[in-house]
Amino acid sequence: MSPAGSHGQPVRPAAPVIVPTLEQQKVLLRISAQRERIRERRAARFLAQQQTLDAGNPGASDSLILQGVAFAKQHPVAVAAVAAAAMALGPRRLVRWMGVALPWIVRLRR
């Protein structure tokens, strides 16, 4: 019969304590330092995003359509040039190139 704990469960022996070697300890310290750098970088990025939003950056959280409208209002000549180029390309080429460009735009949006 094996020894049982207070709830009828068998008692397991304690896990042996593993002492890392000097080389392993150096690696563990480097890993710890890297994790700390990553945490600091994430915190800094989050803080910068919050400051951008708090600074009243127009359109920072708006949808892509609203950002496009705001861009068109700020840069009418550029929008006219893009519209003229789109008309010169024709609808078939425009649809083909949007099939290529739209995934890039969505990926850059993230």
PDB file of N, CA and C in Angstrom:
ATOM      1  N   MET A   1       0.831  -1.169   0.000  1.00  0.00           N
ATOM      2  CA  MET A   1       0.000   0.000   0.000  1.00  0.00           C
ATOM      3  C   MET A   1       0.887   1.247   0.000  1.00  0.00           C
ATOM      4  N   SER A   2       0.566   2.218  -0.888  1.00  0.00           N
ATOM      5  CA  SER A   2       1.384   3.418  -0.986  1.00  0.00           C
ATOM      6  C   SER A   2       0.863   4.475  -0.029  1.00  0.00           C
ATOM      7  N   PRO A   3       1.731   5.374   0.413  1.00  0.00           N
ATOM      8  CA  PRO A   3       1.272   6.422   1.322  1.00  0.00           C
ATOM      9  C   PRO A   3       0.295   7.355   0.601  1.00  0.00           C
ATOM     10  N   ALA A   4      -0.725   7.793   1.274  1.00  0.00           N
ATOM     11  CA  ALA A   4      -1.736   8.670   0.683  1.00  0.00           C
ATOM     12  C   ALA A   4      -1.742  10.000   1.398  1.00  0.00           C
ATOM     13  N   GLY A   5      -2.122  11.023   0.624  1.00  0.00           N
ATOM     14  CA  GLY A   5      -2.241  12.363   1.186  1.00  0.00           C
ATOM     15  C   GLY A   5      -3.542  12.503   1.946  1.00  0.00           C
ATOM     16  N   SER A   6      -3.903  13.714   2.315  1.00  0.00           N
ATOM     17  CA  SER A   6      -5.108  13.941   3.102  1.00  0.00           C
ATOM     18  C   SER A   6      -6.377  13.706   2.298  1.00  0.00           C
ATOM     19  N   HIS A   7      -6.303  13.742   0.958  1.00  0.00           N
ATOM     20  CA  HIS A   7      -7.483  13.549   0.124  1.00  0.00           C
ATOM     21  C   HIS A   7      -7.455  12.201  -0.583  1.00  0.00           C
ATOM     22  N   GLY A   8      -6.676  11.302  -0.138  1.00  0.00           N
ATOM     23  CA  GLY A   8      -6.607   9.991  -0.748  1.00  0.00           C
ATOM     24  C   GLY A   8      -5.734   9.924  -1.981  1.00  0.00           C
ATOM     25  N   GLN A   9      -5.074  11.005  -2.327  1.00  0.00           N
ATOM     26  CA  GLN A   9      -4.178  11.033  -3.473  1.00  0.00           C
ATOM     27  C   GLN A   9      -2.796  10.564  -3.042  1.00  0.00           C
ATOM     28  N   PRO A  10      -2.112   9.823  -3.919  1.00  0.00           N
ATOM     29  CA  PRO A  10      -0.763   9.415  -3.553  1.00  0.00           C
ATOM     30  C   PRO A  10       0.157  10.636  -3.467  1.00  0.00           C
ATOM     31  N   VAL A  11       1.056  10.611  -2.536  1.00  0.00           N
ATOM     32  CA  VAL A  11       2.000  11.718  -2.328  1.00  0.00           C
ATOM     33  C   VAL A  11       3.170  11.520  -3.277  1.00  0.00           C
ATOM     34  N   ARG A  12       3.448  12.561  -4.089  1.00  0.00           N
ATOM     35  CA  ARG A  12       4.581  12.503  -5.018  1.00  0.00           C
ATOM     36  C   ARG A  12       5.803  13.117  -4.359  1.00  0.00           C
ATOM     37  N   PRO A  13       6.958  12.555  -4.664  1.00  0.00           N
ATOM     38  CA  PRO A  13       8.167  13.174  -4.110  1.00  0.00           C
ATOM     39  C   PRO A  13       8.418  14.521  -4.781  1.00  0.00           C
ATOM     40  N   ALA A  14       9.048  15.423  -4.070  1.00  0.00           N
ATOM     41  CA  ALA A  14       9.348  16.759  -4.609  1.00  0.00           C
ATOM     42  C   ALA A  14      10.282  16.634  -5.802  1.00  0.00           C
ATOM     43  N   ALA A  15      10.075  17.523  -6.788  1.00  0.00           N
ATOM     44  CA  ALA A  15      10.923  17.518  -7.980  1.00  0.00           C
ATOM     45  C   ALA A  15      12.329  17.933  -7.588  1.00  0.00           C
ATOM     46  N   PRO A  16      13.330  17.299  -8.181  1.00  0.00           N
ATOM     47  CA  PRO A  16      14.705  17.663  -7.831  1.00  0.00           C
ATOM     48  C   PRO A  16      15.019  19.086  -8.298  1.00  0.00           C
ATOM     49  N   VAL A  17      15.791  19.782  -7.522  1.00  0.00           N
ATOM     50  CA  VAL A  17      16.196  21.148  -7.852  1.00  0.00           C
ATOM     51  C   VAL A  17      17.328  21.078  -8.869  1.00  0.00           C
ATOM     52  N   ILE A  18      17.121  21.761  -9.999  1.00  0.00           N
ATOM     53  CA  ILE A  18      18.134  21.767 -11.054  1.00  0.00           C
ATOM     54  C   ILE A  18      18.902  23.076 -10.974  1.00  0.00           C
ATOM     55  N   VAL A  19      20.180  22.985 -10.808  1.00  0.00           N
ATOM     56  CA  VAL A  19      21.040  24.161 -10.737  1.00  0.00           C
ATOM     57  C   VAL A  19      21.697  24.334 -12.099  1.00  0.00           C
ATOM     58  N   PRO A  20      21.429  25.477 -12.777  1.00  0.00           N
ATOM     59  CA  PRO A  20      22.021  25.676 -14.104  1.00  0.00           C
ATOM     60  C   PRO A  20      23.529  25.899 -14.011  1.00  0.00           C
ATOM     61  N   THR A  21      24.200  25.474 -15.060  1.00  0.00           N
ATOM     62  CA  THR A  21      25.638  25.708 -15.124  1.00  0.00           C
ATOM     63  C   THR A  21      25.883  27.178 -15.404  1.00  0.00           C
ATOM     64  N   LEU A  22      27.138  27.596 -15.386  1.00  0.00           N
ATOM     65  CA  LEU A  22      27.473  28.995 -15.630  1.00  0.00           C
ATOM     66  C   LEU A  22      27.049  29.423 -17.034  1.00  0.00           C
ATOM     67  N   GLU A  23      27.285  28.567 -18.018  1.00  0.00           N
ATOM     68  CA  GLU A  23      26.891  28.890 -19.395  1.00  0.00           C
ATOM     69  C   GLU A  23      25.377  28.986 -19.519  1.00  0.00           C
ATOM     70  N   GLN A  24      24.672  28.057 -18.881  1.00  0.00           N
ATOM     71  CA  GLN A  24      23.211  28.099 -18.922  1.00  0.00           C
ATOM     72  C   GLN A  24      22.685  29.351 -18.224  1.00  0.00           C
ATOM     73  N   GLN A  25      23.316  29.742 -17.151  1.00  0.00           N
ATOM     74  CA  GLN A  25      22.904  30.941 -16.432  1.00  0.00           C
ATOM     75  C   GLN A  25      23.100  32.183 -17.300  1.00  0.00           C
ATOM     76  N   LYS A  26      24.200  32.236 -18.061  1.00  0.00           N
ATOM     77  CA  LYS A  26      24.423  33.366 -18.970  1.00  0.00           C
ATOM     78  C   LYS A  26      23.332  33.422 -20.031  1.00  0.00           C
ATOM     79  N   VAL A  27      22.967  32.267 -20.574  1.00  0.00           N
ATOM     80  CA  VAL A  27      21.910  32.223 -21.586  1.00  0.00           C
ATOM     81  C   VAL A  27      20.588  32.681 -20.982  1.00  0.00           C
ATOM     82  N   LEU A  28      20.286  32.211 -19.781  1.00  0.00           N
ATOM     83  CA  LEU A  28      19.045  32.615 -19.125  1.00  0.00           C
ATOM     84  C   LEU A  28      19.013  34.115 -18.851  1.00  0.00           C
ATOM     85  N   LEU A  29      20.150  34.694 -18.485  1.00  0.00           N
ATOM     86  CA  LEU A  29      20.216  36.140 -18.273  1.00  0.00           C
ATOM     87  C   LEU A  29      20.000  36.911 -19.567  1.00  0.00           C
ATOM     88  N   ARG A  30      20.583  36.417 -20.671  1.00  0.00           N
ATOM     89  CA  ARG A  30      20.369  37.076 -21.969  1.00  0.00           C
ATOM     90  C   ARG A  30      18.908  36.995 -22.374  1.00  0.00           C
ATOM     91  N   ILE A  31      18.278  35.846 -22.148  1.00  0.00           N
ATOM     92  CA  ILE A  31      16.857  35.689 -22.478  1.00  0.00           C
ATOM     93  C   ILE A  31      16.017  36.655 -21.651  1.00  0.00           C
ATOM     94  N   SER A  32      16.346  36.761 -20.366  1.00  0.00           N
ATOM     95  CA  SER A  32      15.618  37.667 -19.481  1.00  0.00           C
ATOM     96  C   SER A  32      15.770  39.123 -19.940  1.00  0.00           C
ATOM     97  N   ALA A  33      16.989  39.502 -20.315  1.00  0.00           N
ATOM     98  CA  ALA A  33      17.232  40.874 -20.779  1.00  0.00           C
ATOM     99  C   ALA A  33      16.481  41.142 -22.087  1.00  0.00           C
ATOM    100  N   GLN A  34      16.458  40.153 -22.967  1.00  0.00           N
ATOM    101  CA  GLN A  34      15.748  40.329 -24.230  1.00  0.00           C
ATOM    102  C   GLN A  34      14.247  40.483 -23.991  1.00  0.00           C
ATOM    103  N   ARG A  35      13.701  39.679 -23.089  1.00  0.00           N
ATOM    104  CA  ARG A  35      12.273  39.799 -22.776  1.00  0.00           C
ATOM    105  C   ARG A  35      11.954  41.171 -22.198  1.00  0.00           C
ATOM    106  N   GLU A  36      12.843  41.684 -21.373  1.00  0.00           N
ATOM    107  CA  GLU A  36      12.631  43.011 -20.796  1.00  0.00           C
ATOM    108  C   GLU A  36      12.676  44.093 -21.884  1.00  0.00           C
ATOM    109  N   ARG A  37      13.628  43.973 -22.817  1.00  0.00           N
ATOM    110  CA  ARG A  37      13.692  44.934 -23.937  1.00  0.00           C
ATOM    111  C   ARG A  37      12.412  44.885 -24.766  1.00  0.00           C
ATOM    112  N   ILE A  38      11.909  43.694 -25.016  1.00  0.00           N
ATOM    113  CA  ILE A  38      10.675  43.557 -25.797  1.00  0.00           C
ATOM    114  C   ILE A  38       9.510  44.195 -25.048  1.00  0.00           C
ATOM    115  N   ARG A  39       9.418  43.959 -23.737  1.00  0.00           N
ATOM    116  CA  ARG A  39       8.341  44.581 -22.945  1.00  0.00           C
ATOM    117  C   ARG A  39       8.433  46.105 -23.003  1.00  0.00           C
ATOM    118  N   GLU A  40       9.649  46.637 -22.864  1.00  0.00           N
ATOM    119  CA  GLU A  40       9.833  48.095 -22.907  1.00  0.00           C
ATOM    120  C   GLU A  40       9.464  48.654 -24.274  1.00  0.00           C
ATOM    121  N   ARG A  41       9.853  47.940 -25.344  1.00  0.00           N
ATOM    122  CA  ARG A  41       9.545  48.394 -26.692  1.00  0.00           C
ATOM    123  C   ARG A  41       8.031  48.413 -26.921  1.00  0.00           C
ATOM    124  N   ARG A  42       7.346  47.368 -26.460  1.00  0.00           N
ATOM    125  CA  ARG A  42       5.883  47.319 -26.603  1.00  0.00           C
ATOM    126  C   ARG A  42       5.224  48.452 -25.826  1.00  0.00           C
ATOM    127  N   ALA A  43       5.710  48.692 -24.615  1.00  0.00           N
ATOM    128  CA  ALA A  43       5.143  49.763 -23.799  1.00  0.00           C
ATOM    129  C   ALA A  43       5.373  51.125 -24.459  1.00  0.00           C
ATOM    130  N   ALA A  44       6.553  51.327 -25.018  1.00  0.00           N
ATOM    131  CA  ALA A  44       6.849  52.600 -25.692  1.00  0.00           C
ATOM    132  C   ALA A  44       5.970  52.777 -26.925  1.00  0.00           C
ATOM    133  N   ARG A  45       5.775  51.689 -27.687  1.00  0.00           N
ATOM    134  CA  ARG A  45       4.928  51.783 -28.871  1.00  0.00           C
ATOM    135  C   ARG A  45       3.480  52.086 -28.479  1.00  0.00           C
ATOM    136  N   PHE A  46       2.989  51.415 -27.437  1.00  0.00           N
ATOM    137  CA  PHE A  46       1.640  51.666 -26.972  1.00  0.00           C
ATOM    138  C   PHE A  46       1.485  53.110 -26.513  1.00  0.00           C
ATOM    139  N   LEU A  47       2.479  53.616 -25.776  1.00  0.00           N
ATOM    140  CA  LEU A  47       2.432  54.998 -25.299  1.00  0.00           C
ATOM    141  C   LEU A  47       2.439  55.977 -26.472  1.00  0.00           C
ATOM    142  N   ALA A  48       3.249  55.699 -27.482  1.00  0.00           N
ATOM    143  CA  ALA A  48       3.289  56.581 -28.654  1.00  0.00           C
ATOM    144  C   ALA A  48       1.954  56.580 -29.390  1.00  0.00           C
ATOM    145  N   GLN A  49       1.328  55.417 -29.488  1.00  0.00           N
ATOM    146  CA  GLN A  49       0.010  55.347 -30.140  1.00  0.00           C
ATOM    147  C   GLN A  49      -1.024  56.141 -29.344  1.00  0.00           C
ATOM    148  N   GLN A  50      -0.972  56.020 -28.030  1.00  0.00           N
ATOM    149  CA  GLN A  50      -1.918  56.755 -27.197  1.00  0.00           C
ATOM    150  C   GLN A  50      -1.695  58.262 -27.312  1.00  0.00           C
ATOM    151  N   GLN A  51      -0.437  58.680 -27.370  1.00  0.00           N
ATOM    152  CA  GLN A  51      -0.149  60.107 -27.495  1.00  0.00           C
ATOM    153  C   GLN A  51      -0.608  60.627 -28.845  1.00  0.00           C
ATOM    154  N   THR A  52      -0.483  59.803 -29.881  1.00  0.00           N
ATOM    155  CA  THR A  52      -0.948  60.206 -31.205  1.00  0.00           C
ATOM    156  C   THR A  52      -2.451  60.402 -31.189  1.00  0.00           C
ATOM    157  N   LEU A  53      -3.152  59.487 -30.559  1.00  0.00           N
ATOM    158  CA  LEU A  53      -4.606  59.607 -30.483  1.00  0.00           C
ATOM    159  C   LEU A  53      -5.014  60.778 -29.606  1.00  0.00           C
ATOM    160  N   ASP A  54      -4.293  60.989 -28.495  1.00  0.00           N
ATOM    161  CA  ASP A  54      -4.628  62.074 -27.590  1.00  0.00           C
ATOM    162  C   ASP A  54      -4.294  63.444 -28.181  1.00  0.00           C
ATOM    163  N   ALA A  55      -3.327  63.494 -29.080  1.00  0.00           N
ATOM    164  CA  ALA A  55      -2.907  64.775 -29.659  1.00  0.00           C
ATOM    165  C   ALA A  55      -3.919  65.313 -30.661  1.00  0.00           C
ATOM    166  N   GLY A  56      -4.973  64.565 -30.888  1.00  0.00           N
ATOM    167  CA  GLY A  56      -5.991  65.044 -31.815  1.00  0.00           C
ATOM    168  C   GLY A  56      -5.623  64.799 -33.260  1.00  0.00           C
ATOM    169  N   ASN A  57      -4.885  63.738 -33.519  1.00  0.00           N
ATOM    170  CA  ASN A  57      -4.533  63.393 -34.886  1.00  0.00           C
ATOM    171  C   ASN A  57      -5.816  63.082 -35.638  1.00  0.00           C
ATOM    172  N   PRO A  58      -6.205  63.932 -36.592  1.00  0.00           N
ATOM    173  CA  PRO A  58      -7.472  63.708 -37.272  1.00  0.00           C
ATOM    174  C   PRO A  58      -7.435  62.426 -38.088  1.00  0.00           C
ATOM    175  N   GLY A  59      -8.422  61.593 -37.876  1.00  0.00           N
ATOM    176  CA  GLY A  59      -8.545  60.386 -38.676  1.00  0.00           C
ATOM    177  C   GLY A  59      -7.708  59.228 -38.203  1.00  0.00           C
ATOM    178  N   ALA A  60      -7.129  59.297 -37.003  1.00  0.00           N
ATOM    179  CA  ALA A  60      -6.286  58.201 -36.546  1.00  0.00           C
ATOM    180  C   ALA A  60      -7.089  56.926 -36.331  1.00  0.00           C
ATOM    181  N   SER A  61      -8.333  57.068 -35.895  1.00  0.00           N
ATOM    182  CA  SER A  61      -9.142  55.880 -35.658  1.00  0.00           C
ATOM    183  C   SER A  61     -10.307  55.777 -36.641  1.00  0.00           C
ATOM    184  N   ASP A  62     -10.326  56.612 -37.656  1.00  0.00           N
ATOM    185  CA  ASP A  62     -11.411  56.588 -38.635  1.00  0.00           C
ATOM    186  C   ASP A  62     -11.274  55.402 -39.568  1.00  0.00           C
ATOM    187  N   SER A  63     -12.340  55.121 -40.283  1.00  0.00           N
ATOM    188  CA  SER A  63     -12.299  54.035 -41.254  1.00  0.00           C
ATOM    189  C   SER A  63     -11.455  54.451 -42.464  1.00  0.00           C
ATOM    190  N   LEU A  64     -11.148  53.482 -43.285  1.00  0.00           N
ATOM    191  CA  LEU A  64     -10.328  53.752 -44.469  1.00  0.00           C
ATOM    192  C   LEU A  64     -11.038  54.726 -45.417  1.00  0.00           C
ATOM    193  N   ILE A  65     -12.338  54.624 -45.517  1.00  0.00           N
ATOM    194  CA  ILE A  65     -13.107  55.513 -46.410  1.00  0.00           C
ATOM    195  C   ILE A  65     -13.029  56.949 -45.902  1.00  0.00           C
ATOM    196  N   LEU A  66     -13.224  57.144 -44.588  1.00  0.00           N
ATOM    197  CA  LEU A  66     -13.152  58.496 -44.043  1.00  0.00           C
ATOM    198  C   LEU A  66     -11.752  59.085 -44.172  1.00  0.00           C
ATOM    199  N   GLN A  67     -10.734  58.237 -44.013  1.00  0.00           N
ATOM    200  CA  GLN A  67      -9.372  58.723 -44.212  1.00  0.00           C
ATOM    201  C   GLN A  67      -9.146  59.106 -45.667  1.00  0.00           C
ATOM    202  N   GLY A  68      -9.715  58.342 -46.592  1.00  0.00           N
ATOM    203  CA  GLY A  68      -9.596  58.672 -48.015  1.00  0.00           C
ATOM    204  C   GLY A  68     -10.265  59.996 -48.346  1.00  0.00           C
ATOM    205  N   VAL A  69     -11.425  60.234 -47.771  1.00  0.00           N
ATOM    206  CA  VAL A  69     -12.126  61.506 -47.994  1.00  0.00           C
ATOM    207  C   VAL A  69     -11.311  62.664 -47.418  1.00  0.00           C
ATOM    208  N   ALA A  70     -10.750  62.468 -46.235  1.00  0.00           N
ATOM    209  CA  ALA A  70      -9.931  63.522 -45.637  1.00  0.00           C
ATOM    210  C   ALA A  70      -8.694  63.794 -46.494  1.00  0.00           C
ATOM    211  N   PHE A  71      -8.083  62.732 -47.024  1.00  0.00           N
ATOM    212  CA  PHE A  71      -6.925  62.910 -47.908  1.00  0.00           C
ATOM    213  C   PHE A  71      -7.320  63.667 -49.167  1.00  0.00           C
ATOM    214  N   ALA A  72      -8.476  63.332 -49.736  1.00  0.00           N
ATOM    215  CA  ALA A  72      -8.936  64.014 -50.956  1.00  0.00           C
ATOM    216  C   ALA A  72      -9.166  65.495 -50.705  1.00  0.00           C
ATOM    217  N   LYS A  73      -9.661  65.840 -49.525  1.00  0.00           N
ATOM    218  CA  LYS A  73      -9.869  67.255 -49.195  1.00  0.00           C
ATOM    219  C   LYS A  73      -8.553  67.992 -49.014  1.00  0.00           C
ATOM    220  N   GLN A  74      -7.552  67.290 -48.457  1.00  0.00           N
ATOM    221  CA  GLN A  74      -6.267  67.939 -48.202  1.00  0.00           C
ATOM    222  C   GLN A  74      -5.381  68.005 -49.445  1.00  0.00           C
ATOM    223  N   HIS A  75      -5.552  67.049 -50.376  1.00  0.00           N
ATOM    224  CA  HIS A  75      -4.679  66.967 -51.543  1.00  0.00           C
ATOM    225  C   HIS A  75      -5.501  66.797 -52.824  1.00  0.00           C
ATOM    226  N   PRO A  76      -6.246  67.839 -53.237  1.00  0.00           N
ATOM    227  CA  PRO A  76      -7.111  67.693 -54.412  1.00  0.00           C
ATOM    228  C   PRO A  76      -6.340  67.493 -55.716  1.00  0.00           C
ATOM    229  N   VAL A  77      -5.166  68.067 -55.844  1.00  0.00           N
ATOM    230  CA  VAL A  77      -4.393  67.914 -57.084  1.00  0.00           C
ATOM    231  C   VAL A  77      -3.915  66.467 -57.228  1.00  0.00           C
ATOM    232  N   ALA A  78      -3.447  65.876 -56.161  1.00  0.00           N
ATOM    233  CA  ALA A  78      -2.993  64.479 -56.215  1.00  0.00           C
ATOM    234  C   ALA A  78      -4.150  63.551 -56.556  1.00  0.00           C
ATOM    235  N   VAL A  79      -5.313  63.815 -55.981  1.00  0.00           N
ATOM    236  CA  VAL A  79      -6.487  62.978 -56.271  1.00  0.00           C
ATOM    237  C   VAL A  79      -6.895  63.144 -57.728  1.00  0.00           C
ATOM    238  N   ALA A  80      -6.830  64.356 -58.246  1.00  0.00           N
ATOM    239  CA  ALA A  80      -7.169  64.581 -59.656  1.00  0.00           C
ATOM    240  C   ALA A  80      -6.184  63.855 -60.570  1.00  0.00           C
ATOM    241  N   ALA A  81      -4.904  63.857 -60.215  1.00  0.00           N
ATOM    242  CA  ALA A  81      -3.908  63.154 -61.022  1.00  0.00           C
ATOM    243  C   ALA A  81      -4.153  61.651 -61.004  1.00  0.00           C
ATOM    244  N   VAL A  82      -4.494  61.098 -59.868  1.00  0.00           N
ATOM    245  CA  VAL A  82      -4.787  59.665 -59.779  1.00  0.00           C
ATOM    246  C   VAL A  82      -6.042  59.332 -60.564  1.00  0.00           C
ATOM    247  N   ALA A  83      -7.055  60.187 -60.488  1.00  0.00           N
ATOM    248  CA  ALA A  83      -8.285  59.950 -61.246  1.00  0.00           C
ATOM    249  C   ALA A  83      -8.019  60.003 -62.743  1.00  0.00           C
ATOM    250  N   ALA A  84      -7.193  60.945 -63.187  1.00  0.00           N
ATOM    251  CA  ALA A  84      -6.861  61.042 -64.616  1.00  0.00           C
ATOM    252  C   ALA A  84      -6.089  59.796 -65.063  1.00  0.00           C
ATOM    253  N   ALA A  85      -5.169  59.322 -64.236  1.00  0.00           N
ATOM    254  CA  ALA A  85      -4.421  58.112 -64.581  1.00  0.00           C
ATOM    255  C   ALA A  85      -5.349  56.902 -64.626  1.00  0.00           C
ATOM    256  N   ALA A  86      -6.304  56.844 -63.741  1.00  0.00           N
ATOM    257  CA  ALA A  86      -7.253  55.729 -63.732  1.00  0.00           C
ATOM    258  C   ALA A  86      -8.121  55.745 -64.982  1.00  0.00           C
ATOM    259  N   MET A  87      -8.530  56.925 -65.396  1.00  0.00           N
ATOM    260  CA  MET A  87      -9.352  57.014 -66.621  1.00  0.00           C
ATOM    261  C   MET A  87      -8.514  56.649 -67.846  1.00  0.00           C
ATOM    262  N   ALA A  88      -7.244  56.994 -67.848  1.00  0.00           N
ATOM    263  CA  ALA A  88      -6.382  56.672 -68.980  1.00  0.00           C
ATOM    264  C   ALA A  88      -6.122  55.169 -69.060  1.00  0.00           C
ATOM    265  N   LEU A  89      -6.054  54.501 -67.918  1.00  0.00           N
ATOM    266  CA  LEU A  89      -5.813  53.062 -67.912  1.00  0.00           C
ATOM    267  C   LEU A  89      -7.014  52.274 -68.424  1.00  0.00           C
ATOM    268  N   GLY A  90      -8.181  52.742 -68.127  1.00  0.00           N
ATOM    269  CA  GLY A  90      -9.373  52.012 -68.517  1.00  0.00           C
ATOM    270  C   GLY A  90      -9.852  51.110 -67.399  1.00  0.00           C
ATOM    271  N   PRO A  91     -11.124  50.735 -67.460  1.00  0.00           N
ATOM    272  CA  PRO A  91     -11.696  49.980 -66.345  1.00  0.00           C
ATOM    273  C   PRO A  91     -11.106  48.579 -66.179  1.00  0.00           C
ATOM    274  N   ARG A  92     -10.775  47.913 -67.268  1.00  0.00           N
ATOM    275  CA  ARG A  92     -10.269  46.539 -67.165  1.00  0.00           C
ATOM    276  C   ARG A  92      -8.914  46.499 -66.456  1.00  0.00           C
ATOM    277  N   ARG A  93      -7.997  47.375 -66.864  1.00  0.00           N
ATOM    278  CA  ARG A  93      -6.686  47.433 -66.205  1.00  0.00           C
ATOM    279  C   ARG A  93      -6.803  47.931 -64.773  1.00  0.00           C
ATOM    280  N   LEU A  94      -7.709  48.877 -64.563  1.00  0.00           N
ATOM    281  CA  LEU A  94      -7.895  49.415 -63.222  1.00  0.00           C
ATOM    282  C   LEU A  94      -8.352  48.316 -62.259  1.00  0.00           C
ATOM    283  N   VAL A  95      -9.300  47.490 -62.683  1.00  0.00           N
ATOM    284  CA  VAL A  95      -9.776  46.395 -61.841  1.00  0.00           C
ATOM    285  C   VAL A  95      -8.645  45.393 -61.606  1.00  0.00           C
ATOM    286  N   ARG A  96      -7.873  45.101 -62.627  1.00  0.00           N
ATOM    287  CA  ARG A  96      -6.760  44.158 -62.491  1.00  0.00           C
ATOM    288  C   ARG A  96      -5.725  44.680 -61.487  1.00  0.00           C
ATOM    289  N   TRP A  97      -5.360  45.961 -61.597  1.00  0.00           N
ATOM    290  CA  TRP A  97      -4.364  46.519 -60.692  1.00  0.00           C
ATOM    291  C   TRP A  97      -4.901  46.694 -59.272  1.00  0.00           C
ATOM    292  N   MET A  98      -6.188  46.931 -59.131  1.00  0.00           N
ATOM    293  CA  MET A  98      -6.753  47.014 -57.786  1.00  0.00           C
ATOM    294  C   MET A  98      -6.723  45.649 -57.112  1.00  0.00           C
ATOM    295  N   GLY A  99      -6.850  44.591 -57.904  1.00  0.00           N
ATOM    296  CA  GLY A  99      -6.724  43.245 -57.350  1.00  0.00           C
ATOM    297  C   GLY A  99      -5.331  42.995 -56.798  1.00  0.00           C
ATOM    298  N   VAL A 100      -4.342  43.678 -57.338  1.00  0.00           N
ATOM    299  CA  VAL A 100      -2.970  43.560 -56.842  1.00  0.00           C
ATOM    300  C   VAL A 100      -2.731  44.539 -55.688  1.00  0.00           C
ATOM    301  N   ALA A 101      -3.220  45.760 -55.831  1.00  0.00           N
ATOM    302  CA  ALA A 101      -2.916  46.821 -54.865  1.00  0.00           C
ATOM    303  C   ALA A 101      -3.733  46.702 -53.581  1.00  0.00           C
ATOM    304  N   LEU A 102      -4.964  46.227 -53.679  1.00  0.00           N
ATOM    305  CA  LEU A 102      -5.820  46.193 -52.492  1.00  0.00           C
ATOM    306  C   LEU A 102      -5.253  45.313 -51.373  1.00  0.00           C
ATOM    307  N   PRO A 103      -4.729  44.118 -51.658  1.00  0.00           N
ATOM    308  CA  PRO A 103      -4.118  43.358 -50.551  1.00  0.00           C
ATOM    309  C   PRO A 103      -2.940  44.078 -49.904  1.00  0.00           C
ATOM    310  N   TRP A 104      -2.161  44.803 -50.696  1.00  0.00           N
ATOM    311  CA  TRP A 104      -1.063  45.587 -50.122  1.00  0.00           C
ATOM    312  C   TRP A 104      -1.586  46.666 -49.201  1.00  0.00           C
ATOM    313  N   ILE A 105      -2.624  47.356 -49.643  1.00  0.00           N
ATOM    314  CA  ILE A 105      -3.200  48.427 -48.841  1.00  0.00           C
ATOM    315  C   ILE A 105      -3.737  47.878 -47.528  1.00  0.00           C
ATOM    316  N   VAL A 106      -4.447  46.755 -47.602  1.00  0.00           N
ATOM    317  CA  VAL A 106      -5.000  46.153 -46.391  1.00  0.00           C
ATOM    318  C   VAL A 106      -3.875  45.699 -45.467  1.00  0.00           C
ATOM    319  N   ARG A 107      -2.818  45.118 -46.017  1.00  0.00           N
ATOM    320  CA  ARG A 107      -1.700  44.665 -45.199  1.00  0.00           C
ATOM    321  C   ARG A 107      -0.992  45.858 -44.542  1.00  0.00           C
ATOM    322  N   LEU A 108      -0.816  46.950 -45.260  1.00  0.00           N
ATOM    323  CA  LEU A 108      -0.163  48.126 -44.698  1.00  0.00           C
ATOM    324  C   LEU A 108      -1.042  48.804 -43.657  1.00  0.00           C
ATOM    325  N   ARG A 109      -2.331  48.614 -43.748  1.00  0.00           N
ATOM    326  CA  ARG A 109      -3.278  49.230 -42.826  1.00  0.00           C
ATOM    327  C   ARG A 109      -3.136  48.635 -41.428  1.00  0.00           C
ATOM    328  N   ARG A 110      -2.709  47.397 -41.301  1.00  0.00           N
ATOM    329  CA  ARG A 110      -2.610  46.724 -40.001  1.00  0.00           C
ATOM    330  C   ARG A 110      -1.531  47.251 -39.156  1.00  0.00           C
TER     331      ARG A 110
END
